[in-house]
Amino acid sequence: MVRDGGYTSHGPNPSCLACFSIIESVLVALTIQLRPSAQQTAFNLKRWAEILADPELARLPHRIETDRHGHILMSPPPAPQHGNFQSEIAHNLRSLLGSGRVITECPLSTSDGVKALDVA
């Protein structure tokens, strides 16, 4: 038997775990069933209203978002430098827009839940 990179003249070398796991791995297609856009938006708005009405969540300093199932996702507050970048981006957008509004920390309903945008 000639061994070359985990293979023998008879096929894969079973003592090579990396080679064995690559050969034995099977790629499986994953399909995610999403709600129709209008239905997801209605769900997000209802769930977001519940979150905004919760006094316990209102006291938390964390950024709050949801996933497509309405589960709450929290992340710690960003560092001060993040706020500096946000304000610079908001200022630049405001000066380029001419008309309209620029908002920071804006919730956005998506097909994957409600996400907090830094600047919109």
N, C-alpha and C. Protein backbone atom coordinates (compact mmCIF):
# COMPACT_ATOMS: atom_id res chain seq x y z
N MET A 1 0.83 -1.17 0.00
CA MET A 1 0.00 0.00 0.00
C MET A 1 0.88 1.24 0.00
N VAL A 2 0.51 2.19 -0.83
CA VAL A 2 1.23 3.45 -0.90
C VAL A 2 0.38 4.51 -0.21
N ARG A 3 0.96 5.15 0.78
CA ARG A 3 0.23 6.19 1.50
C ARG A 3 0.61 7.54 0.95
N ASP A 4 -0.40 8.33 0.62
CA ASP A 4 -0.15 9.65 0.06
C ASP A 4 -1.26 10.59 0.51
N GLY A 5 -0.96 11.47 1.48
CA GLY A 5 -1.95 12.45 1.92
C GLY A 5 -3.19 11.83 2.51
N GLY A 6 -3.06 10.73 3.26
CA GLY A 6 -4.22 10.12 3.88
C GLY A 6 -4.90 9.08 3.02
N TYR A 7 -4.38 8.82 1.84
CA TYR A 7 -4.97 7.81 0.96
C TYR A 7 -3.99 6.66 0.78
N THR A 8 -4.54 5.51 0.58
CA THR A 8 -3.73 4.33 0.26
C THR A 8 -4.11 3.91 -1.15
N SER A 9 -3.42 2.94 -1.68
CA SER A 9 -3.75 2.47 -3.02
C SER A 9 -5.15 1.85 -3.05
N HIS A 10 -5.70 1.56 -1.87
CA HIS A 10 -7.05 0.97 -1.78
C HIS A 10 -8.10 2.00 -1.39
N GLY A 11 -7.75 3.28 -1.33
CA GLY A 11 -8.73 4.30 -0.97
C GLY A 11 -8.26 5.10 0.22
N PRO A 12 -9.20 5.72 0.98
CA PRO A 12 -8.82 6.57 2.10
C PRO A 12 -8.16 5.79 3.22
N ASN A 13 -7.23 6.43 3.88
CA ASN A 13 -6.53 5.82 5.01
C ASN A 13 -7.41 5.99 6.24
N PRO A 14 -7.98 4.92 6.79
CA PRO A 14 -8.89 5.05 7.93
C PRO A 14 -8.22 5.59 9.18
N SER A 15 -6.88 5.55 9.25
CA SER A 15 -6.21 6.08 10.43
C SER A 15 -6.07 7.60 10.36
N CYS A 16 -6.36 8.19 9.23
CA CYS A 16 -6.30 9.64 9.08
C CYS A 16 -7.69 10.19 9.38
N LEU A 17 -7.90 10.68 10.62
CA LEU A 17 -9.23 11.13 11.05
C LEU A 17 -9.74 12.29 10.22
N ALA A 18 -8.87 13.24 9.88
CA ALA A 18 -9.32 14.38 9.09
C ALA A 18 -9.81 13.91 7.73
N CYS A 19 -9.08 13.01 7.10
CA CYS A 19 -9.49 12.50 5.79
C CYS A 19 -10.79 11.73 5.90
N PHE A 20 -10.91 10.94 6.96
CA PHE A 20 -12.09 10.12 7.14
C PHE A 20 -13.32 11.01 7.34
N SER A 21 -13.19 12.08 8.15
CA SER A 21 -14.35 12.93 8.40
C SER A 21 -14.75 13.71 7.15
N ILE A 22 -13.79 14.09 6.33
CA ILE A 22 -14.12 14.79 5.09
C ILE A 22 -14.88 13.86 4.15
N ILE A 23 -14.44 12.63 4.06
CA ILE A 23 -15.07 11.66 3.17
C ILE A 23 -16.47 11.30 3.68
N GLU A 24 -16.61 11.19 5.00
CA GLU A 24 -17.88 10.76 5.57
C GLU A 24 -18.89 11.91 5.68
N SER A 25 -18.43 13.16 5.63
CA SER A 25 -19.34 14.30 5.74
C SER A 25 -20.23 14.38 4.51
N VAL A 26 -21.45 14.74 4.76
CA VAL A 26 -22.41 14.90 3.67
C VAL A 26 -22.99 16.30 3.76
N LEU A 27 -22.98 17.03 2.68
CA LEU A 27 -23.58 18.35 2.67
C LEU A 27 -25.08 18.20 2.53
N VAL A 28 -25.81 18.87 3.40
CA VAL A 28 -27.26 18.80 3.40
C VAL A 28 -27.82 20.18 3.11
N ALA A 29 -28.72 20.26 2.17
CA ALA A 29 -29.35 21.53 1.85
C ALA A 29 -30.29 21.92 2.99
N LEU A 30 -30.28 23.18 3.36
CA LEU A 30 -31.13 23.68 4.42
C LEU A 30 -32.08 24.70 3.82
N THR A 31 -33.35 24.50 4.04
CA THR A 31 -34.36 25.44 3.55
C THR A 31 -35.07 26.05 4.75
N ILE A 32 -35.13 27.37 4.78
CA ILE A 32 -35.81 28.07 5.85
C ILE A 32 -37.14 28.57 5.32
N GLN A 33 -38.20 28.19 5.98
CA GLN A 33 -39.54 28.62 5.58
C GLN A 33 -39.82 29.96 6.23
N LEU A 34 -39.93 31.01 5.42
CA LEU A 34 -40.23 32.34 5.93
C LEU A 34 -41.71 32.65 5.76
N ARG A 35 -42.23 33.46 6.68
CA ARG A 35 -43.61 33.92 6.54
C ARG A 35 -43.69 34.90 5.39
N PRO A 36 -44.87 35.07 4.81
CA PRO A 36 -45.03 36.15 3.83
C PRO A 36 -44.68 37.49 4.50
N SER A 37 -44.15 38.41 3.72
CA SER A 37 -43.64 39.68 4.25
C SER A 37 -44.66 40.43 5.11
N ALA A 38 -45.88 40.56 4.62
CA ALA A 38 -46.91 41.30 5.37
C ALA A 38 -47.21 40.62 6.70
N GLN A 39 -47.22 39.30 6.71
CA GLN A 39 -47.50 38.55 7.94
C GLN A 39 -46.35 38.72 8.94
N GLN A 40 -45.10 38.68 8.45
CA GLN A 40 -43.94 38.86 9.33
C GLN A 40 -43.91 40.27 9.90
N THR A 41 -44.23 41.26 9.07
CA THR A 41 -44.26 42.65 9.54
C THR A 41 -45.30 42.83 10.63
N ALA A 42 -46.50 42.28 10.44
CA ALA A 42 -47.55 42.37 11.45
C ALA A 42 -47.10 41.70 12.75
N PHE A 43 -46.49 40.52 12.62
CA PHE A 43 -45.98 39.80 13.79
C PHE A 43 -44.91 40.64 14.51
N ASN A 44 -43.97 41.20 13.73
CA ASN A 44 -42.90 42.01 14.32
C ASN A 44 -43.46 43.23 15.06
N LEU A 45 -44.43 43.91 14.46
CA LEU A 45 -45.00 45.10 15.09
C LEU A 45 -45.71 44.76 16.39
N LYS A 46 -46.44 43.65 16.38
CA LYS A 46 -47.14 43.22 17.60
C LYS A 46 -46.14 42.86 18.69
N ARG A 47 -45.11 42.11 18.31
CA ARG A 47 -44.10 41.69 19.29
C ARG A 47 -43.32 42.90 19.80
N TRP A 48 -43.00 43.84 18.92
CA TRP A 48 -42.24 45.02 19.33
C TRP A 48 -43.05 45.87 20.30
N ALA A 49 -44.36 45.97 20.08
CA ALA A 49 -45.23 46.72 21.00
C ALA A 49 -45.21 46.06 22.39
N GLU A 50 -45.20 44.73 22.44
CA GLU A 50 -45.11 44.02 23.72
C GLU A 50 -43.79 44.32 24.42
N ILE A 51 -42.72 44.34 23.65
CA ILE A 51 -41.39 44.61 24.23
C ILE A 51 -41.32 46.03 24.76
N LEU A 52 -41.83 47.00 23.99
CA LEU A 52 -41.80 48.40 24.43
C LEU A 52 -42.65 48.63 25.68
N ALA A 53 -43.69 47.83 25.86
CA ALA A 53 -44.57 47.98 27.02
C ALA A 53 -44.03 47.30 28.28
N ASP A 54 -42.96 46.55 28.17
CA ASP A 54 -42.40 45.81 29.30
C ASP A 54 -41.48 46.72 30.13
N PRO A 55 -41.88 47.08 31.36
CA PRO A 55 -41.07 47.99 32.17
C PRO A 55 -39.71 47.39 32.57
N GLU A 56 -39.64 46.08 32.70
CA GLU A 56 -38.37 45.43 33.06
C GLU A 56 -37.35 45.59 31.92
N LEU A 57 -37.81 45.40 30.68
CA LEU A 57 -36.90 45.56 29.55
C LEU A 57 -36.50 47.01 29.36
N ALA A 58 -37.40 47.93 29.68
CA ALA A 58 -37.10 49.36 29.53
C ALA A 58 -35.96 49.80 30.44
N ARG A 59 -35.77 49.10 31.55
CA ARG A 59 -34.71 49.46 32.50
C ARG A 59 -33.33 48.94 32.08
N LEU A 60 -33.30 48.01 31.16
CA LEU A 60 -32.02 47.42 30.77
C LEU A 60 -31.24 48.33 29.83
N PRO A 61 -29.92 48.38 29.99
CA PRO A 61 -29.12 49.22 29.10
C PRO A 61 -28.77 48.54 27.78
N HIS A 62 -29.19 47.32 27.60
CA HIS A 62 -28.81 46.54 26.43
C HIS A 62 -29.57 46.96 25.17
N ARG A 63 -28.95 46.70 24.04
CA ARG A 63 -29.64 46.85 22.75
C ARG A 63 -30.54 45.63 22.61
N ILE A 64 -31.79 45.86 22.28
CA ILE A 64 -32.75 44.77 22.17
C ILE A 64 -33.19 44.64 20.72
N GLU A 65 -33.16 43.41 20.23
CA GLU A 65 -33.65 43.06 18.90
C GLU A 65 -34.45 41.77 19.06
N THR A 66 -35.08 41.32 17.98
CA THR A 66 -35.76 40.03 18.02
C THR A 66 -35.33 39.20 16.82
N ASP A 67 -35.55 37.90 16.94
CA ASP A 67 -35.36 37.04 15.77
C ASP A 67 -36.71 36.87 15.09
N ARG A 68 -36.76 36.06 14.05
CA ARG A 68 -38.01 35.93 13.27
C ARG A 68 -39.13 35.28 14.07
N HIS A 69 -38.79 34.65 15.20
CA HIS A 69 -39.81 33.99 16.02
C HIS A 69 -40.26 34.88 17.19
N GLY A 70 -39.69 36.09 17.28
CA GLY A 70 -40.05 37.00 18.35
C GLY A 70 -39.22 36.84 19.61
N HIS A 71 -38.23 35.94 19.58
CA HIS A 71 -37.34 35.78 20.74
C HIS A 71 -36.47 37.02 20.88
N ILE A 72 -36.27 37.45 22.10
CA ILE A 72 -35.47 38.64 22.37
C ILE A 72 -33.99 38.32 22.26
N LEU A 73 -33.27 39.18 21.55
CA LEU A 73 -31.82 39.09 21.43
C LEU A 73 -31.25 40.37 22.05
N MET A 74 -30.38 40.23 23.04
CA MET A 74 -29.80 41.40 23.69
C MET A 74 -28.30 41.42 23.48
N SER A 75 -27.77 42.61 23.30
CA SER A 75 -26.33 42.77 23.23
C SER A 75 -25.95 43.92 24.14
N PRO A 76 -24.74 43.89 24.70
CA PRO A 76 -24.35 44.96 25.62
C PRO A 76 -24.25 46.29 24.89
N PRO A 77 -24.33 47.38 25.65
CA PRO A 77 -24.20 48.69 25.02
C PRO A 77 -22.85 48.81 24.31
N PRO A 78 -22.82 49.51 23.19
CA PRO A 78 -21.55 49.66 22.48
C PRO A 78 -20.60 50.59 23.22
N ALA A 79 -19.35 50.51 22.84
CA ALA A 79 -18.33 51.39 23.41
C ALA A 79 -18.58 52.84 22.97
N PRO A 80 -18.07 53.81 23.71
CA PRO A 80 -18.28 55.22 23.34
C PRO A 80 -17.83 55.55 21.92
N GLN A 81 -16.78 54.92 21.44
CA GLN A 81 -16.31 55.19 20.08
C GLN A 81 -17.39 54.86 19.05
N HIS A 82 -18.19 53.85 19.33
CA HIS A 82 -19.29 53.48 18.44
C HIS A 82 -20.26 54.65 18.30
N GLY A 83 -20.59 55.30 19.41
CA GLY A 83 -21.45 56.47 19.39
C GLY A 83 -20.85 57.61 18.58
N ASN A 84 -19.53 57.77 18.67
CA ASN A 84 -18.87 58.81 17.87
C ASN A 84 -19.05 58.53 16.38
N PHE A 85 -18.86 57.27 15.99
CA PHE A 85 -19.05 56.91 14.58
C PHE A 85 -20.50 57.14 14.15
N GLN A 86 -21.43 56.76 15.01
CA GLN A 86 -22.85 56.95 14.72
C GLN A 86 -23.16 58.42 14.46
N SER A 87 -22.68 59.28 15.34
CA SER A 87 -22.99 60.71 15.19
C SER A 87 -22.34 61.29 13.94
N GLU A 88 -21.14 60.84 13.59
CA GLU A 88 -20.49 61.30 12.36
C GLU A 88 -21.28 60.87 11.12
N ILE A 89 -21.71 59.60 11.12
CA ILE A 89 -22.49 59.09 10.00
C ILE A 89 -23.81 59.85 9.89
N ALA A 90 -24.48 60.06 11.03
CA ALA A 90 -25.75 60.79 11.03
C ALA A 90 -25.55 62.21 10.51
N HIS A 91 -24.48 62.86 10.94
CA HIS A 91 -24.20 64.23 10.48
C HIS A 91 -23.96 64.25 8.97
N ASN A 92 -23.16 63.32 8.48
CA ASN A 92 -22.87 63.27 7.04
C ASN A 92 -24.14 62.98 6.23
N LEU A 93 -24.97 62.06 6.70
CA LEU A 93 -26.23 61.77 6.00
C LEU A 93 -27.14 63.00 5.97
N ARG A 94 -27.25 63.67 7.12
CA ARG A 94 -28.10 64.86 7.21
C ARG A 94 -27.64 65.92 6.23
N SER A 95 -26.34 66.12 6.11
CA SER A 95 -25.84 67.16 5.21
C SER A 95 -26.00 66.76 3.74
N LEU A 96 -26.01 65.46 3.44
CA LEU A 96 -26.15 65.00 2.06
C LEU A 96 -27.62 64.89 1.62
N LEU A 97 -28.50 64.65 2.57
CA LEU A 97 -29.91 64.43 2.23
C LEU A 97 -30.61 65.68 1.71
N GLY A 98 -30.42 66.78 2.36
CA GLY A 98 -31.16 67.97 1.98
C GLY A 98 -32.51 68.01 2.65
N SER A 99 -33.31 66.96 2.49
CA SER A 99 -34.60 66.87 3.18
C SER A 99 -34.74 65.45 3.72
N GLY A 100 -35.65 65.28 4.63
CA GLY A 100 -35.83 63.97 5.25
C GLY A 100 -35.28 63.95 6.66
N ARG A 101 -35.36 62.81 7.29
CA ARG A 101 -34.91 62.67 8.68
C ARG A 101 -33.80 61.63 8.77
N VAL A 102 -32.91 61.85 9.68
CA VAL A 102 -31.87 60.87 10.01
C VAL A 102 -32.12 60.45 11.45
N ILE A 103 -32.19 59.16 11.69
CA ILE A 103 -32.50 58.63 13.02
C ILE A 103 -31.40 57.67 13.44
N THR A 104 -31.02 57.72 14.70
CA THR A 104 -30.07 56.73 15.24
C THR A 104 -30.84 55.75 16.13
N GLU A 105 -30.30 54.55 16.26
CA GLU A 105 -30.93 53.50 17.08
C GLU A 105 -32.37 53.29 16.67
N CYS A 106 -32.58 53.08 15.41
CA CYS A 106 -33.91 52.95 14.83
C CYS A 106 -34.28 51.48 14.65
N PRO A 107 -35.42 51.02 15.19
CA PRO A 107 -35.84 49.64 14.94
C PRO A 107 -36.35 49.47 13.51
N LEU A 108 -36.00 48.35 12.90
CA LEU A 108 -36.43 48.06 11.53
C LEU A 108 -37.00 46.65 11.48
N SER A 109 -38.21 46.51 10.97
CA SER A 109 -38.83 45.20 10.80
C SER A 109 -38.25 44.54 9.56
N THR A 110 -37.71 43.33 9.74
CA THR A 110 -37.14 42.56 8.64
C THR A 110 -37.76 41.17 8.62
N SER A 111 -37.43 40.39 7.62
CA SER A 111 -37.92 39.01 7.56
C SER A 111 -37.28 38.16 8.66
N ASP A 112 -36.24 38.67 9.29
CA ASP A 112 -35.56 37.94 10.36
C ASP A 112 -35.80 38.59 11.73
N GLY A 113 -36.88 39.33 11.87
CA GLY A 113 -37.21 39.95 13.15
C GLY A 113 -37.00 41.45 13.12
N VAL A 114 -36.96 42.05 14.31
CA VAL A 114 -36.73 43.49 14.43
C VAL A 114 -35.26 43.71 14.76
N LYS A 115 -34.60 44.51 13.95
CA LYS A 115 -33.19 44.80 14.12
C LYS A 115 -33.01 46.27 14.45
N ALA A 116 -32.02 46.58 15.27
CA ALA A 116 -31.72 47.97 15.63
C ALA A 116 -30.65 48.51 14.69
N LEU A 117 -31.02 49.50 13.92
CA LEU A 117 -30.07 50.12 13.00
C LEU A 117 -29.29 51.20 13.73
N ASP A 118 -28.02 51.31 13.47
CA ASP A 118 -27.23 52.37 14.08
C ASP A 118 -27.68 53.73 13.58
N VAL A 119 -27.85 53.85 12.26
CA VAL A 119 -28.28 55.10 11.65
C VAL A 119 -29.20 54.77 10.48
N ALA A 120 -30.30 55.48 10.40
CA ALA A 120 -31.23 55.28 9.28
C ALA A 120 -31.66 56.62 8.72
